[in-house]
Amino acid sequence: MLIDERFALSGPHRRWEELRFVVRVAWEFVRSFRALHFVGPCITVFGSARIPREHPYYDLARQVGETIASLGFTVMTGGGPGLMEAANYGARRVGGRSIGCNIELPHEQQPNPYLDRWITVRHFFVRKVLLVKYSYGFVVLPGGIGTLDELFEALTLIQTGKIERFPIVLMGTQYWSPVELLLEQMAEEGTISDSDRQLILMTDSVEALREHLERFAVARLRGQPAVRLRPLRLLGEQASR
């Protein structure tokens, strides 16, 4: 499982082995795109897999999932336990769509029970593409190194113009205050601009989250030209429920 990841990052190999690795990655992308082609417009939720159900953050994540689903978006997460599970649960609780992009790990992460559809991939870089590709915004709940990686990946893509200026909301002002201070210091040192800091809304309020998504995600979705997608049986595609 992790042999592929280590293989890719361990210098040059025989040309045939390099080609085989590229083909396997390409197939993983194709398989994932086919599985998620009809999930609808998403808001991706990042957050810790380690937060237990009795923690207040779990309830916050559930409310986040409910809020996103009530706006008509599909809730997309990394598909695992903790706050990812809570957001998927919130979507399911109000009858919304719930999607997961699961990752194979040494201690294998199992998809949580609140997913309508999920895909399991080997590579983190494939997973991050999927979490961004279908999304009109990003909500970041308290999390660890992986959550920080996902947050700054989204910020970098927006800052460099690789994706549109989709809204990013950090839920939990006390938890994320060190990140806010770091961004302030970066702006003071000139390593980022003030406009980069404005990409983020930091709040504890799900109502503020709703208003922000309505203003920047819903409005952007309504401005997109309608594209009618039909499943092809030949490719084994299935429309979302």
Foldseek 3Di string as FASTA:
>chain_A
DCVLVCVVVPDDDPPVVVVVSVVVVVVLLVVVCQQCVFLAAAEEEEAAQPADCVDPLLVLLLLLLLLRQVLPHEYEYQQFHDSLLSSLNSQVVNPGAYEHEHEQDPPGTDGHPSHPYYHYDHDPVSSLCVSPVRYQEYEYEYYDDVSVVSVVVVLVCCQVVVDDLGAYEYADCVRCVVVVVVVVVCCVVPVDHPVSSVSYHYYNDVVVVSVVCVVRRVVVVVVDDDDDDDDDVVVVHDHDD
